[in-house]
Each structure stands twice: as C-alpha cells, then as structure tokens.
C-alpha cells in the first residue's frame, strides 16, 4: 500500500434555477426510478460504476447494511436500449437538503452524453424532494472519473468546500472486466 493525496470537492445548488435547462436524452436512453428498494440492485450499480474509480466504502456491507442505508433514498437508473447504463442515488436529509450520494455511469456508457442527461434529470428530481429553502449537494474527488467535476459544474453546481486527505491505496490496479 502507498498513500496518495485525494482532493474532495463539495458542490451545491441553492436554487432550482441553478440547474439550467434540462439536457435532452440521447437516442435510446430512458431514466426510470427503482420504485422498490433493492440492496442487490444498488450493490450491482455501485460495483459496476465504481470498479475503475476506486469506490470502496460500501464493498464490505452485508445485505442488512445495504437495506438500512438505502431507507428513504431514491435510485434513478439510466438505461440505454434496456441495458443499465448508470445511476443516481438521492437522499433527502433532515435539514431539507437533498444529497446526490452516488452518481455515475458504467464504463462502456461514458463519453456519450448519457451522464449529462442523467445528472440533469436526477438534479430535477432532487429539487422535487428538497424542502423550500433547501439545497441539492454532492461531493466528488480526484479518484472519480476525469470528467465528473466538470459535468457537475456544467449543470450549475458550485464548489463550496475543498478537502485534501492522505489515503492508503493499493499499488496494483483493481480487477475489472
């Protein structure tokens, strides 16, 4: 193991107007709410999206922990011609804000404007859940995909806090398909 500096950016919108106009869906792309909380679906999406960008904080969770953590969340899944392409996990918070807890695309679906549409769509759904005077927020880090922060900023999110931490990381790359 080695240590590396990881920068985390916290971004927010403080008004639905910050989001700008919706981004149209690419041909064949549909976004649907997973209306039944499913630890198995969420685990699949988390591992499929995060496998190459070092998402690790949920890997050790058992089914009960997944079920507990997902209570009250909304998961929106983007499909391209029936195939899961990515997701957004939204969590209303006690202060009236809504956190976009996880957001991302499976590697094969990146770079095709699906992420722009999904983020635009998910942000609109987050504002529907937010209390009056609330905000929509998220965080991303230097371990995430190279276009993640730029996508958030193009959708109207603004950085309000930055943190730099030293984290242990494997020297060998994660296995992937």
C-alpha atoms as a PDB file:
ATOM      1  CA  UNK A   1       0.000   0.000   0.000  1.00  0.00           C
ATOM      2  CA  UNK A   2       1.033   3.567  -0.610  1.00  0.00           C
ATOM      3  CA  UNK A   3      -0.511   6.876   0.388  1.00  0.00           C
ATOM      4  CA  UNK A   4      -1.698   9.498  -2.052  1.00  0.00           C
ATOM      5  CA  UNK A   5      -3.319  12.896  -1.645  1.00  0.00           C
ATOM      6  CA  UNK A   6      -7.009  12.788  -2.531  1.00  0.00           C
ATOM      7  CA  UNK A   7      -8.879  16.046  -3.054  1.00  0.00           C
ATOM      8  CA  UNK A   8     -12.612  16.083  -2.299  1.00  0.00           C
ATOM      9  CA  UNK A   9     -14.817  18.860  -3.639  1.00  0.00           C
ATOM     10  CA  UNK A  10     -18.247  19.548  -2.141  1.00  0.00           C
ATOM     11  CA  UNK A  11     -20.609  21.162  -4.634  1.00  0.00           C
ATOM     12  CA  UNK A  12     -24.110  22.559  -4.299  1.00  0.00           C
ATOM     13  CA  UNK A  13     -27.014  24.261  -5.964  1.00  0.00           C
ATOM     14  CA  UNK A  14     -29.026  26.629  -3.778  1.00  0.00           C
ATOM     15  CA  UNK A  15     -31.915  27.177  -6.186  1.00  0.00           C
ATOM     16  CA  UNK A  16     -33.629  25.063  -8.845  1.00  0.00           C
ATOM     17  CA  UNK A  17     -32.734  27.852 -11.301  1.00  0.00           C
ATOM     18  CA  UNK A  18     -29.044  26.948 -10.813  1.00  0.00           C
ATOM     19  CA  UNK A  19     -29.617  23.730 -12.769  1.00  0.00           C
ATOM     20  CA  UNK A  20     -30.308  25.467 -16.053  1.00  0.00           C
ATOM     21  CA  UNK A  21     -32.302  23.882 -18.859  1.00  0.00           C
ATOM     22  CA  UNK A  22     -32.726  20.094 -18.947  1.00  0.00           C
ATOM     23  CA  UNK A  23     -30.281  18.133 -21.085  1.00  0.00           C
ATOM     24  CA  UNK A  24     -32.137  16.007 -23.653  1.00  0.00           C
ATOM     25  CA  UNK A  25     -31.786  12.241 -23.548  1.00  0.00           C
ATOM     26  CA  UNK A  26     -29.581  10.657 -26.190  1.00  0.00           C
ATOM     27  CA  UNK A  27     -31.439   8.335 -28.554  1.00  0.00           C
ATOM     28  CA  UNK A  28     -32.458   5.088 -26.853  1.00  0.00           C
ATOM     29  CA  UNK A  29     -31.820   6.368 -23.307  1.00  0.00           C
ATOM     30  CA  UNK A  30     -34.530   6.340 -20.653  1.00  0.00           C
ATOM     31  CA  UNK A  31     -34.310   7.111 -16.923  1.00  0.00           C
ATOM     32  CA  UNK A  32     -36.527   5.216 -14.504  1.00  0.00           C
ATOM     33  CA  UNK A  33     -36.947   5.256 -10.738  1.00  0.00           C
ATOM     34  CA  UNK A  34     -36.258   1.955  -8.996  1.00  0.00           C
ATOM     35  CA  UNK A  35     -39.507   2.077  -7.038  1.00  0.00           C
ATOM     36  CA  UNK A  36     -38.643  -0.917  -4.867  1.00  0.00           C
ATOM     37  CA  UNK A  37     -35.601  -0.505  -2.624  1.00  0.00           C
ATOM     38  CA  UNK A  38     -33.262  -3.303  -3.662  1.00  0.00           C
ATOM     39  CA  UNK A  39     -29.910  -3.850  -1.950  1.00  0.00           C
ATOM     40  CA  UNK A  40     -28.958  -6.224  -4.763  1.00  0.00           C
ATOM     41  CA  UNK A  41     -29.636  -3.658  -7.499  1.00  0.00           C
ATOM     42  CA  UNK A  42     -27.838  -0.920  -5.591  1.00  0.00           C
ATOM     43  CA  UNK A  43     -24.867  -3.215  -4.946  1.00  0.00           C
ATOM     44  CA  UNK A  44     -24.689  -4.088  -8.646  1.00  0.00           C
ATOM     45  CA  UNK A  45     -24.820  -0.429  -9.715  1.00  0.00           C
ATOM     46  CA  UNK A  46     -22.283   0.654  -7.092  1.00  0.00           C
ATOM     47  CA  UNK A  47     -19.742  -2.005  -8.036  1.00  0.00           C
ATOM     48  CA  UNK A  48     -20.290  -1.732 -11.807  1.00  0.00           C
ATOM     49  CA  UNK A  49     -19.945   2.067 -11.828  1.00  0.00           C
ATOM     50  CA  UNK A  50     -17.228   2.304  -9.205  1.00  0.00           C
ATOM     51  CA  UNK A  51     -14.977  -0.581 -10.190  1.00  0.00           C
ATOM     52  CA  UNK A  52     -12.443   1.530 -12.072  1.00  0.00           C
ATOM     53  CA  UNK A  53     -12.608   4.690  -9.954  1.00  0.00           C
ATOM     54  CA  UNK A  54     -11.867   3.124  -6.568  1.00  0.00           C
ATOM     55  CA  UNK A  55     -15.275   3.237  -4.949  1.00  0.00           C
ATOM     56  CA  UNK A  56     -14.617   1.060  -1.902  1.00  0.00           C
ATOM     57  CA  UNK A  57     -16.550   2.397   1.095  1.00  0.00           C
ATOM     58  CA  UNK A  58     -19.566   0.105   0.547  1.00  0.00           C
ATOM     59  CA  UNK A  59     -17.780  -3.041  -0.618  1.00  0.00           C
ATOM     60  CA  UNK A  60     -17.818  -4.728   2.800  1.00  0.00           C
ATOM     61  CA  UNK A  61     -21.509  -4.133   3.505  1.00  0.00           C
ATOM     62  CA  UNK A  62     -23.830  -7.082   4.013  1.00  0.00           C
ATOM     63  CA  UNK A  63     -27.416  -7.107   2.738  1.00  0.00           C
ATOM     64  CA  UNK A  64     -28.817  -5.759   6.034  1.00  0.00           C
ATOM     65  CA  UNK A  65     -26.473  -2.767   5.979  1.00  0.00           C
ATOM     66  CA  UNK A  66     -27.401  -2.020   2.355  1.00  0.00           C
ATOM     67  CA  UNK A  67     -31.104  -2.147   3.259  1.00  0.00           C
ATOM     68  CA  UNK A  68     -30.612   0.169   6.249  1.00  0.00           C
ATOM     69  CA  UNK A  69     -28.520   2.707   4.326  1.00  0.00           C
ATOM     70  CA  UNK A  70     -30.980   2.794   1.418  1.00  0.00           C
ATOM     71  CA  UNK A  71     -34.008   3.631   3.587  1.00  0.00           C
ATOM     72  CA  UNK A  72     -35.518   6.875   2.356  1.00  0.00           C
ATOM     73  CA  UNK A  73     -33.299   7.095  -0.731  1.00  0.00           C
ATOM     74  CA  UNK A  74     -34.440   7.235  -4.354  1.00  0.00           C
ATOM     75  CA  UNK A  75     -32.434   5.452  -7.025  1.00  0.00           C
ATOM     76  CA  UNK A  76     -32.779   6.614 -10.618  1.00  0.00           C
ATOM     77  CA  UNK A  77     -31.349   4.294 -13.264  1.00  0.00           C
ATOM     78  CA  UNK A  78     -30.451   5.285 -16.822  1.00  0.00           C
ATOM     79  CA  UNK A  79     -30.986   2.567 -19.406  1.00  0.00           C
ATOM     80  CA  UNK A  80     -29.788   2.516 -22.974  1.00  0.00           C
ATOM     81  CA  UNK A  81     -31.998   0.234 -25.036  1.00  0.00           C
ATOM     82  CA  UNK A  82     -32.916  -1.706 -21.887  1.00  0.00           C
ATOM     83  CA  UNK A  83     -29.380  -2.069 -20.523  1.00  0.00           C
ATOM     84  CA  UNK A  84     -28.435  -0.331 -17.253  1.00  0.00           C
ATOM     85  CA  UNK A  85     -26.025   2.474 -18.129  1.00  0.00           C
ATOM     86  CA  UNK A  86     -25.705   4.372 -14.844  1.00  0.00           C
ATOM     87  CA  UNK A  87     -27.500   5.660 -11.794  1.00  0.00           C
ATOM     88  CA  UNK A  88     -28.072   8.443  -9.318  1.00  0.00           C
ATOM     89  CA  UNK A  89     -28.840   7.801  -5.649  1.00  0.00           C
ATOM     90  CA  UNK A  90     -30.703  10.671  -3.974  1.00  0.00           C
ATOM     91  CA  UNK A  91     -31.063  11.031  -0.198  1.00  0.00           C
ATOM     92  CA  UNK A  92     -33.269  13.683   1.419  1.00  0.00           C
ATOM     93  CA  UNK A  93     -31.603  14.998   4.594  1.00  0.00           C
ATOM     94  CA  UNK A  94     -33.128  16.264   7.845  1.00  0.00           C
ATOM     95  CA  UNK A  95     -32.073  19.861   7.089  1.00  0.00           C
ATOM     96  CA  UNK A  96     -34.273  19.938   3.957  1.00  0.00           C
ATOM     97  CA  UNK A  97     -31.384  19.405   1.560  1.00  0.00           C
ATOM     98  CA  UNK A  98     -31.031  16.503  -0.842  1.00  0.00           C
ATOM     99  CA  UNK A  99     -27.699  14.808  -1.348  1.00  0.00           C
ATOM    100  CA  UNK A 100     -26.805  13.113  -4.589  1.00  0.00           C
ATOM    101  CA  UNK A 101     -24.984  10.377  -2.703  1.00  0.00           C
ATOM    102  CA  UNK A 102     -23.781   8.422  -5.715  1.00  0.00           C
ATOM    103  CA  UNK A 103     -23.800   9.223  -9.399  1.00  0.00           C
ATOM    104  CA  UNK A 104     -22.045   7.603 -12.308  1.00  0.00           C
ATOM    105  CA  UNK A 105     -22.046   5.551 -15.451  1.00  0.00           C
ATOM    106  CA  UNK A 106     -20.774   2.077 -16.215  1.00  0.00           C
ATOM    107  CA  UNK A 107     -17.503   2.404 -18.148  1.00  0.00           C
ATOM    108  CA  UNK A 108     -18.965   1.343 -21.522  1.00  0.00           C
ATOM    109  CA  UNK A 109     -21.522   4.178 -21.408  1.00  0.00           C
ATOM    110  CA  UNK A 110     -19.224   7.094 -20.597  1.00  0.00           C
ATOM    111  CA  UNK A 111     -18.496   9.897 -23.062  1.00  0.00           C
ATOM    112  CA  UNK A 112     -21.835   9.698 -24.884  1.00  0.00           C
ATOM    113  CA  UNK A 113     -23.850  12.488 -23.148  1.00  0.00           C
ATOM    114  CA  UNK A 114     -25.754   9.962 -21.026  1.00  0.00           C
ATOM    115  CA  UNK A 115     -24.130  11.392 -17.876  1.00  0.00           C
ATOM    116  CA  UNK A 116     -25.154  14.945 -18.770  1.00  0.00           C
ATOM    117  CA  UNK A 117     -28.761  13.841 -19.256  1.00  0.00           C
ATOM    118  CA  UNK A 118     -28.847  11.632 -16.153  1.00  0.00           C
ATOM    119  CA  UNK A 119     -27.368  14.361 -13.944  1.00  0.00           C
ATOM    120  CA  UNK A 120     -29.793  16.945 -15.314  1.00  0.00           C
ATOM    121  CA  UNK A 121     -32.702  14.562 -14.735  1.00  0.00           C
ATOM    122  CA  UNK A 122     -31.556  13.484 -11.255  1.00  0.00           C
ATOM    123  CA  UNK A 123     -30.971  17.082 -10.175  1.00  0.00           C
ATOM    124  CA  UNK A 124     -34.535  17.986 -11.188  1.00  0.00           C
ATOM    125  CA  UNK A 125     -35.828  15.030  -9.129  1.00  0.00           C
ATOM    126  CA  UNK A 126     -33.651  16.120  -6.189  1.00  0.00           C
ATOM    127  CA  UNK A 127     -35.186  19.605  -6.281  1.00  0.00           C
ATOM    128  CA  UNK A 128     -38.650  17.999  -6.166  1.00  0.00           C
ATOM    129  CA  UNK A 129     -37.604  16.310  -2.903  1.00  0.00           C
ATOM    130  CA  UNK A 130     -35.870  19.317  -1.336  1.00  0.00           C
ATOM    131  CA  UNK A 131     -37.688  21.440   1.220  1.00  0.00           C
ATOM    132  CA  UNK A 132     -38.360  25.104   0.424  1.00  0.00           C
ATOM    133  CA  UNK A 133     -35.126  26.988   1.014  1.00  0.00           C
ATOM    134  CA  UNK A 134     -33.171  23.729   0.792  1.00  0.00           C
ATOM    135  CA  UNK A 135     -30.307  22.861  -1.478  1.00  0.00           C
ATOM    136  CA  UNK A 136     -29.026  19.986  -3.599  1.00  0.00           C
ATOM    137  CA  UNK A 137     -25.467  18.920  -2.948  1.00  0.00           C
ATOM    138  CA  UNK A 138     -22.906  16.241  -3.665  1.00  0.00           C
ATOM    139  CA  UNK A 139     -19.234  15.536  -3.460  1.00  0.00           C
ATOM    140  CA  UNK A 140     -16.669  14.215  -5.885  1.00  0.00           C
ATOM    141  CA  UNK A 141     -12.984  13.540  -5.550  1.00  0.00           C
ATOM    142  CA  UNK A 142      -9.790  13.256  -7.509  1.00  0.00           C
ATOM    143  CA  UNK A 143     -10.265   9.452  -7.594  1.00  0.00           C
ATOM    144  CA  UNK A 144     -13.515   9.819  -9.564  1.00  0.00           C
ATOM    145  CA  UNK A 145     -13.696   9.898 -13.340  1.00  0.00           C
ATOM    146  CA  UNK A 146     -11.745  12.691 -15.041  1.00  0.00           C
ATOM    147  CA  UNK A 147     -14.906  14.430 -16.266  1.00  0.00           C
ATOM    148  CA  UNK A 148     -17.035  14.132 -13.102  1.00  0.00           C
ATOM    149  CA  UNK A 149     -16.415  17.555 -11.577  1.00  0.00           C
ATOM    150  CA  UNK A 150     -16.736  19.334 -14.942  1.00  0.00           C
ATOM    151  CA  UNK A 151     -20.097  17.645 -15.541  1.00  0.00           C
ATOM    152  CA  UNK A 152     -21.353  18.826 -12.145  1.00  0.00           C
ATOM    153  CA  UNK A 153     -20.176  22.367 -12.781  1.00  0.00           C
ATOM    154  CA  UNK A 154     -21.763  22.449 -16.259  1.00  0.00           C
ATOM    155  CA  UNK A 155     -25.069  21.504 -14.587  1.00  0.00           C
ATOM    156  CA  UNK A 156     -24.821  24.504 -12.259  1.00  0.00           C
ATOM    157  CA  UNK A 157     -23.173  23.029  -9.169  1.00  0.00           C
ATOM    158  CA  UNK A 158     -20.640  25.276  -7.408  1.00  0.00           C
ATOM    159  CA  UNK A 159     -17.793  24.229  -5.112  1.00  0.00           C
ATOM    160  CA  UNK A 160     -18.385  25.364  -1.541  1.00  0.00           C
ATOM    161  CA  UNK A 161     -15.708  23.334   0.269  1.00  0.00           C
ATOM    162  CA  UNK A 162     -12.497  21.518  -0.632  1.00  0.00           C
ATOM    163  CA  UNK A 163     -10.611  18.988   1.489  1.00  0.00           C
ATOM    164  CA  UNK A 164      -7.317  17.207   0.887  1.00  0.00           C
ATOM    165  CA  UNK A 165      -6.588  13.966   2.742  1.00  0.00           C
ATOM    166  CA  UNK A 166      -3.908  11.321   2.545  1.00  0.00           C
ATOM    167  CA  UNK A 167      -5.428   7.926   1.766  1.00  0.00           C
ATOM    168  CA  UNK A 168      -3.937   4.474   1.503  1.00  0.00           C
ATOM    169  CA  UNK A 169      -4.375   2.985  -1.943  1.00  0.00           C
ATOM    170  CA  UNK A 170      -3.450  -0.328  -3.443  1.00  0.00           C
ATOM    171  CA  UNK A 171      -0.442  -0.232  -5.692  1.00  0.00           C
ATOM    172  CA  UNK A 172      -1.903  -2.862  -8.022  1.00  0.00           C
ATOM    173  CA  UNK A 173      -4.916  -1.845 -10.107  1.00  0.00           C
ATOM    174  CA  UNK A 174      -8.357  -3.223  -9.242  1.00  0.00           C
ATOM    175  CA  UNK A 175      -9.504  -6.070 -11.384  1.00  0.00           C
ATOM    176  CA  UNK A 176     -12.182  -5.244 -13.899  1.00  0.00           C
ATOM    177  CA  UNK A 177     -13.996  -6.828 -16.766  1.00  0.00           C
END
